[in-house]
Structure formats: structure tokens, C-alpha cells
């Protein structure tokens, strides 16, 4: 009599399990709430100051790098309301969240749950509500650094020239 142990076949984790669906749903709801707040809450003092910068673009300002002014300028065609000033920062939050999730997924050999949990953590961190809910210099730079981190992980993993070029492109706005 031989005692054969049956081993269950290894199954690849599904890309969209319950955790991922719940996490990305929460992220979508929080992002929508930021958009509603961006439309309905009046600008605060610093946001008006940054808006003025966007009307007079420069390569630098007395107390901050120019990322905040360029982000506001990119959406100035939407009008002169608080939503037009803040929408770029909400989109920076989306960019940072996606790149952070892609980085976590890549570092865990394709585990979508790691990406979803990372994205949820980025979205629910209190700093994110400030950086991605109002016009502040933090939003564009967090998005740029998240993109830089992803490109670095990818470039050091693949060693392809094009990935190193993308790393350089992503690094530029981070400086």
C-alpha cells in the first residue's frame, strides 16, 4: 500500500476578487466625493494665490516649484470656478493611486490584491485628502513620485532601455 498524498492543483489568484472590487469601489466613491467638494467648496487663501500663479506662468516661484501653477493652468479652460482650479489635483490623485497600485502589483509578482490594498491606503491617507482634494503643491509631486517609483521598479526589473527612458521622463517633474 502506498500512501500517496493528493496535492490540490495550484490556481492562479483571480485578478478581480472580492477585496479588489470593494477596494476599488471605495476609491471611486472617495474620488467622486472629492470632485463634489471641489465643485462646492470655495477656494481658500493659498488656492487663490496658486490660481494667480497659473495666470502668470513662470519656471519657479518664491516659495514653491511651479507644478501647482501648471496643474491649475492645464484646466483653466474649464472656467473660473473652484472646480476648474481643483480638478487637476483630483486627477493627480487618480494617477498616483494607479501608479502605486501598479508598483505594488509588480513587486508582488502580479497579485492584484496587493495593488488594491495599496491603492486603498493611498486614497484613505489623510494627506491624500489635502493633496488631491485641494490645490496644493503636494498633488502633482505625489503623482510624479508614484510614477517615478513604478518606472524605477519596472526598469530595474526588465533592464530595457525604453524603461530607463520612461524613468527619466517620470523623474523630471519630480525634481
C-alpha atoms as a PDB file:
ATOM      1  CA  UNK A   1       0.000   0.000   0.000  1.00  0.00           C
ATOM      2  CA  UNK A   2       1.398   3.295  -0.997  1.00  0.00           C
ATOM      3  CA  UNK A   3       0.390   6.429   0.735  1.00  0.00           C
ATOM      4  CA  UNK A   4       0.008   8.963  -1.964  1.00  0.00           C
ATOM      5  CA  UNK A   5      -0.818  12.462  -0.835  1.00  0.00           C
ATOM      6  CA  UNK A   6      -3.065  14.319  -3.152  1.00  0.00           C
ATOM      7  CA  UNK A   7      -1.964  17.852  -3.681  1.00  0.00           C
ATOM      8  CA  UNK A   8      -4.530  20.367  -4.745  1.00  0.00           C
ATOM      9  CA  UNK A   9      -3.561  21.999  -8.021  1.00  0.00           C
ATOM     10  CA  UNK A  10      -2.188  25.496  -7.633  1.00  0.00           C
ATOM     11  CA  UNK A  11      -4.564  28.001  -9.002  1.00  0.00           C
ATOM     12  CA  UNK A  12      -3.570  31.461 -10.024  1.00  0.00           C
ATOM     13  CA  UNK A  13      -5.363  34.085  -7.937  1.00  0.00           C
ATOM     14  CA  UNK A  14      -8.169  35.716  -9.829  1.00  0.00           C
ATOM     15  CA  UNK A  15      -7.458  39.252 -10.965  1.00  0.00           C
ATOM     16  CA  UNK A  16     -10.700  40.603  -9.533  1.00  0.00           C
ATOM     17  CA  UNK A  17     -11.567  39.027  -6.240  1.00  0.00           C
ATOM     18  CA  UNK A  18     -13.964  40.458  -3.668  1.00  0.00           C
ATOM     19  CA  UNK A  19     -11.243  42.504  -1.916  1.00  0.00           C
ATOM     20  CA  UNK A  20     -10.237  44.204  -5.141  1.00  0.00           C
ATOM     21  CA  UNK A  21     -13.812  45.046  -6.060  1.00  0.00           C
ATOM     22  CA  UNK A  22     -14.553  46.525  -2.625  1.00  0.00           C
ATOM     23  CA  UNK A  23     -11.268  48.468  -2.526  1.00  0.00           C
ATOM     24  CA  UNK A  24     -11.649  49.982  -5.993  1.00  0.00           C
ATOM     25  CA  UNK A  25     -15.313  50.793  -5.266  1.00  0.00           C
ATOM     26  CA  UNK A  26     -14.289  52.706  -2.142  1.00  0.00           C
ATOM     27  CA  UNK A  27     -11.603  54.504  -4.144  1.00  0.00           C
ATOM     28  CA  UNK A  28     -14.153  55.519  -6.781  1.00  0.00           C
ATOM     29  CA  UNK A  29     -16.555  56.802  -4.115  1.00  0.00           C
ATOM     30  CA  UNK A  30     -13.846  58.820  -2.343  1.00  0.00           C
ATOM     31  CA  UNK A  31     -12.700  60.302  -5.656  1.00  0.00           C
ATOM     32  CA  UNK A  32     -16.281  61.256  -6.531  1.00  0.00           C
ATOM     33  CA  UNK A  33     -16.687  62.869  -3.101  1.00  0.00           C
ATOM     34  CA  UNK A  34     -13.521  64.897  -3.694  1.00  0.00           C
ATOM     35  CA  UNK A  35     -14.936  66.055  -7.023  1.00  0.00           C
ATOM     36  CA  UNK A  36     -18.210  67.152  -5.378  1.00  0.00           C
ATOM     37  CA  UNK A  37     -16.288  69.008  -2.679  1.00  0.00           C
ATOM     38  CA  UNK A  38     -14.040  70.602  -5.304  1.00  0.00           C
ATOM     39  CA  UNK A  39     -17.116  71.982  -7.022  1.00  0.00           C
ATOM     40  CA  UNK A  40     -18.995  73.202  -3.963  1.00  0.00           C
ATOM     41  CA  UNK A  41     -16.350  74.451  -1.502  1.00  0.00           C
ATOM     42  CA  UNK A  42     -14.984  77.956  -2.177  1.00  0.00           C
ATOM     43  CA  UNK A  43     -11.263  78.483  -2.696  1.00  0.00           C
ATOM     44  CA  UNK A  44      -9.123  79.110   0.373  1.00  0.00           C
ATOM     45  CA  UNK A  45      -6.332  81.707   0.507  1.00  0.00           C
ATOM     46  CA  UNK A  46      -3.466  79.600  -0.807  1.00  0.00           C
ATOM     47  CA  UNK A  47      -5.559  78.224  -3.651  1.00  0.00           C
ATOM     48  CA  UNK A  48      -6.317  81.755  -4.855  1.00  0.00           C
ATOM     49  CA  UNK A  49      -2.618  82.533  -4.624  1.00  0.00           C
ATOM     50  CA  UNK A  50      -1.775  79.473  -6.745  1.00  0.00           C
ATOM     51  CA  UNK A  51      -4.529  80.359  -9.200  1.00  0.00           C
ATOM     52  CA  UNK A  52      -2.882  83.730  -9.695  1.00  0.00           C
ATOM     53  CA  UNK A  53       0.381  81.921 -10.416  1.00  0.00           C
ATOM     54  CA  UNK A  54      -1.411  79.902 -13.113  1.00  0.00           C
ATOM     55  CA  UNK A  55      -2.451  83.150 -14.772  1.00  0.00           C
ATOM     56  CA  UNK A  56       1.221  84.247 -14.887  1.00  0.00           C
ATOM     57  CA  UNK A  57       3.285  81.117 -15.502  1.00  0.00           C
ATOM     58  CA  UNK A  58       6.962  81.038 -14.572  1.00  0.00           C
ATOM     59  CA  UNK A  59       9.663  78.410 -14.093  1.00  0.00           C
ATOM     60  CA  UNK A  60       9.583  78.914 -10.336  1.00  0.00           C
ATOM     61  CA  UNK A  61       8.000  80.993  -7.608  1.00  0.00           C
ATOM     62  CA  UNK A  62       9.231  82.500  -4.368  1.00  0.00           C
ATOM     63  CA  UNK A  63       8.110  79.670  -2.098  1.00  0.00           C
ATOM     64  CA  UNK A  64       7.202  76.644  -4.290  1.00  0.00           C
ATOM     65  CA  UNK A  65       8.186  74.872  -7.508  1.00  0.00           C
ATOM     66  CA  UNK A  66       5.899  75.512 -10.495  1.00  0.00           C
ATOM     67  CA  UNK A  67       3.972  72.189 -10.534  1.00  0.00           C
ATOM     68  CA  UNK A  68       0.920  73.622  -8.789  1.00  0.00           C
ATOM     69  CA  UNK A  69       0.641  76.528 -11.246  1.00  0.00           C
ATOM     70  CA  UNK A  70       0.996  74.299 -14.293  1.00  0.00           C
ATOM     71  CA  UNK A  71      -1.608  71.863 -12.951  1.00  0.00           C
ATOM     72  CA  UNK A  72      -4.132  74.681 -12.479  1.00  0.00           C
ATOM     73  CA  UNK A  73      -3.236  76.178 -15.856  1.00  0.00           C
ATOM     74  CA  UNK A  74      -3.889  72.864 -17.631  1.00  0.00           C
ATOM     75  CA  UNK A  75      -7.577  73.079 -16.671  1.00  0.00           C
ATOM     76  CA  UNK A  76      -8.076  76.850 -16.780  1.00  0.00           C
ATOM     77  CA  UNK A  77     -10.083  76.411 -19.978  1.00  0.00           C
ATOM     78  CA  UNK A  78     -12.895  74.972 -17.808  1.00  0.00           C
ATOM     79  CA  UNK A  79     -13.627  78.396 -16.352  1.00  0.00           C
ATOM     80  CA  UNK A  80     -13.011  80.451 -13.256  1.00  0.00           C
ATOM     81  CA  UNK A  81     -14.670  78.313 -10.616  1.00  0.00           C
ATOM     82  CA  UNK A  82     -13.220  76.244  -7.752  1.00  0.00           C
ATOM     83  CA  UNK A  83     -13.784  73.002  -9.683  1.00  0.00           C
ATOM     84  CA  UNK A  84     -11.621  74.238 -12.574  1.00  0.00           C
ATOM     85  CA  UNK A  85      -8.845  75.088 -10.106  1.00  0.00           C
ATOM     86  CA  UNK A  86      -9.010  71.733  -8.277  1.00  0.00           C
ATOM     87  CA  UNK A  87      -9.832  69.144 -10.967  1.00  0.00           C
ATOM     88  CA  UNK A  88      -6.176  68.716 -11.914  1.00  0.00           C
ATOM     89  CA  UNK A  89      -5.327  67.769  -8.344  1.00  0.00           C
ATOM     90  CA  UNK A  90      -8.117  65.205  -8.219  1.00  0.00           C
ATOM     91  CA  UNK A  91      -6.686  63.691 -11.407  1.00  0.00           C
ATOM     92  CA  UNK A  92      -3.217  63.730  -9.802  1.00  0.00           C
ATOM     93  CA  UNK A  93      -4.757  61.572  -7.074  1.00  0.00           C
ATOM     94  CA  UNK A  94      -6.050  59.133  -9.657  1.00  0.00           C
ATOM     95  CA  UNK A  95      -2.622  58.992 -11.327  1.00  0.00           C
ATOM     96  CA  UNK A  96      -0.795  58.487  -8.000  1.00  0.00           C
ATOM     97  CA  UNK A  97      -3.240  55.793  -6.926  1.00  0.00           C
ATOM     98  CA  UNK A  98      -2.951  53.854 -10.184  1.00  0.00           C
ATOM     99  CA  UNK A  99       0.854  54.016 -10.263  1.00  0.00           C
ATOM    100  CA  UNK A 100       1.136  52.992  -6.596  1.00  0.00           C
ATOM    101  CA  UNK A 101      -1.194  50.045  -7.251  1.00  0.00           C
ATOM    102  CA  UNK A 102       0.773  49.018 -10.351  1.00  0.00           C
ATOM    103  CA  UNK A 103       4.015  49.210  -8.364  1.00  0.00           C
ATOM    104  CA  UNK A 104       2.656  47.002  -5.571  1.00  0.00           C
ATOM    105  CA  UNK A 105       1.249  44.524  -8.079  1.00  0.00           C
ATOM    106  CA  UNK A 106       4.580  44.356  -9.906  1.00  0.00           C
ATOM    107  CA  UNK A 107       6.563  43.898  -6.678  1.00  0.00           C
ATOM    108  CA  UNK A 108       4.285  41.005  -5.624  1.00  0.00           C
ATOM    109  CA  UNK A 109       4.508  39.160  -8.956  1.00  0.00           C
ATOM    110  CA  UNK A 110       1.081  40.148 -10.206  1.00  0.00           C
ATOM    111  CA  UNK A 111      -1.008  39.963  -7.022  1.00  0.00           C
ATOM    112  CA  UNK A 112      -3.952  42.263  -7.777  1.00  0.00           C
ATOM    113  CA  UNK A 113      -4.939  42.267  -4.106  1.00  0.00           C
ATOM    114  CA  UNK A 114      -1.658  43.949  -3.150  1.00  0.00           C
ATOM    115  CA  UNK A 115      -2.342  46.638  -5.722  1.00  0.00           C
ATOM    116  CA  UNK A 116      -5.889  47.151  -4.476  1.00  0.00           C
ATOM    117  CA  UNK A 117      -4.810  47.427  -0.838  1.00  0.00           C
ATOM    118  CA  UNK A 118      -2.032  49.865  -1.769  1.00  0.00           C
ATOM    119  CA  UNK A 119      -4.451  51.984  -3.781  1.00  0.00           C
ATOM    120  CA  UNK A 120      -6.903  51.978  -0.887  1.00  0.00           C
ATOM    121  CA  UNK A 121      -4.162  53.048   1.531  1.00  0.00           C
ATOM    122  CA  UNK A 122      -3.101  55.905  -0.751  1.00  0.00           C
ATOM    123  CA  UNK A 123      -6.696  57.061  -1.134  1.00  0.00           C
ATOM    124  CA  UNK A 124      -7.619  56.930   2.558  1.00  0.00           C
ATOM    125  CA  UNK A 125      -4.446  58.521   3.930  1.00  0.00           C
ATOM    126  CA  UNK A 126      -5.321  61.936   5.410  1.00  0.00           C
ATOM    127  CA  UNK A 127      -2.555  63.637   3.424  1.00  0.00           C
ATOM    128  CA  UNK A 128      -4.245  62.441   0.244  1.00  0.00           C
ATOM    129  CA  UNK A 129      -7.390  64.382   1.064  1.00  0.00           C
ATOM    130  CA  UNK A 130      -5.319  67.544   1.270  1.00  0.00           C
ATOM    131  CA  UNK A 131      -3.041  66.797  -1.682  1.00  0.00           C
ATOM    132  CA  UNK A 132      -5.741  65.501  -4.013  1.00  0.00           C
ATOM    133  CA  UNK A 133      -8.768  67.442  -2.789  1.00  0.00           C
ATOM    134  CA  UNK A 134      -7.431  70.971  -2.898  1.00  0.00           C
ATOM    135  CA  UNK A 135      -4.927  72.932  -4.924  1.00  0.00           C
ATOM    136  CA  UNK A 136      -1.584  72.337  -3.214  1.00  0.00           C
ATOM    137  CA  UNK A 137       1.942  71.594  -4.433  1.00  0.00           C
ATOM    138  CA  UNK A 138       1.720  68.096  -2.936  1.00  0.00           C
ATOM    139  CA  UNK A 139      -0.707  66.649  -5.508  1.00  0.00           C
ATOM    140  CA  UNK A 140       1.407  66.932  -8.662  1.00  0.00           C
ATOM    141  CA  UNK A 141       4.547  65.845  -6.852  1.00  0.00           C
ATOM    142  CA  UNK A 142       2.973  62.798  -5.222  1.00  0.00           C
ATOM    143  CA  UNK A 143       1.675  61.754  -8.637  1.00  0.00           C
ATOM    144  CA  UNK A 144       5.089  62.309 -10.216  1.00  0.00           C
ATOM    145  CA  UNK A 145       6.877  60.364  -7.475  1.00  0.00           C
ATOM    146  CA  UNK A 146       4.414  57.479  -7.712  1.00  0.00           C
ATOM    147  CA  UNK A 147       5.056  57.351 -11.472  1.00  0.00           C
ATOM    148  CA  UNK A 148       8.801  57.531 -10.853  1.00  0.00           C
ATOM    149  CA  UNK A 149       8.667  54.659  -8.359  1.00  0.00           C
ATOM    150  CA  UNK A 150       6.730  52.481 -10.799  1.00  0.00           C
ATOM    151  CA  UNK A 151       9.119  53.280 -13.657  1.00  0.00           C
ATOM    152  CA  UNK A 152      12.127  52.531 -11.422  1.00  0.00           C
ATOM    153  CA  UNK A 153      10.729  49.161 -10.346  1.00  0.00           C
ATOM    154  CA  UNK A 154       9.941  48.338 -13.949  1.00  0.00           C
ATOM    155  CA  UNK A 155      13.307  49.490 -15.322  1.00  0.00           C
ATOM    156  CA  UNK A 156      15.341  47.639 -12.684  1.00  0.00           C
ATOM    157  CA  UNK A 157      13.259  44.533 -13.305  1.00  0.00           C
ATOM    158  CA  UNK A 158      13.407  44.452 -17.091  1.00  0.00           C
ATOM    159  CA  UNK A 159      16.681  46.289 -17.787  1.00  0.00           C
ATOM    160  CA  UNK A 160      15.197  47.535 -21.051  1.00  0.00           C
ATOM    161  CA  UNK A 161      16.439  50.835 -22.420  1.00  0.00           C
ATOM    162  CA  UNK A 162      12.916  52.154 -23.020  1.00  0.00           C
ATOM    163  CA  UNK A 163      12.020  51.566 -19.352  1.00  0.00           C
ATOM    164  CA  UNK A 164      15.046  53.597 -18.270  1.00  0.00           C
ATOM    165  CA  UNK A 165      13.966  56.364 -20.652  1.00  0.00           C
ATOM    166  CA  UNK A 166      10.469  56.329 -19.112  1.00  0.00           C
ATOM    167  CA  UNK A 167      12.125  56.519 -15.680  1.00  0.00           C
ATOM    168  CA  UNK A 168      13.944  59.670 -16.772  1.00  0.00           C
ATOM    169  CA  UNK A 169      10.733  61.167 -18.149  1.00  0.00           C
ATOM    170  CA  UNK A 170       8.878  60.414 -14.912  1.00  0.00           C
ATOM    171  CA  UNK A 171      11.725  61.712 -12.775  1.00  0.00           C
ATOM    172  CA  UNK A 172      11.837  65.142 -14.394  1.00  0.00           C
ATOM    173  CA  UNK A 173       8.620  66.608 -12.886  1.00  0.00           C
ATOM    174  CA  UNK A 174       9.514  65.032  -9.535  1.00  0.00           C
ATOM    175  CA  UNK A 175      12.536  67.272  -9.096  1.00  0.00           C
END
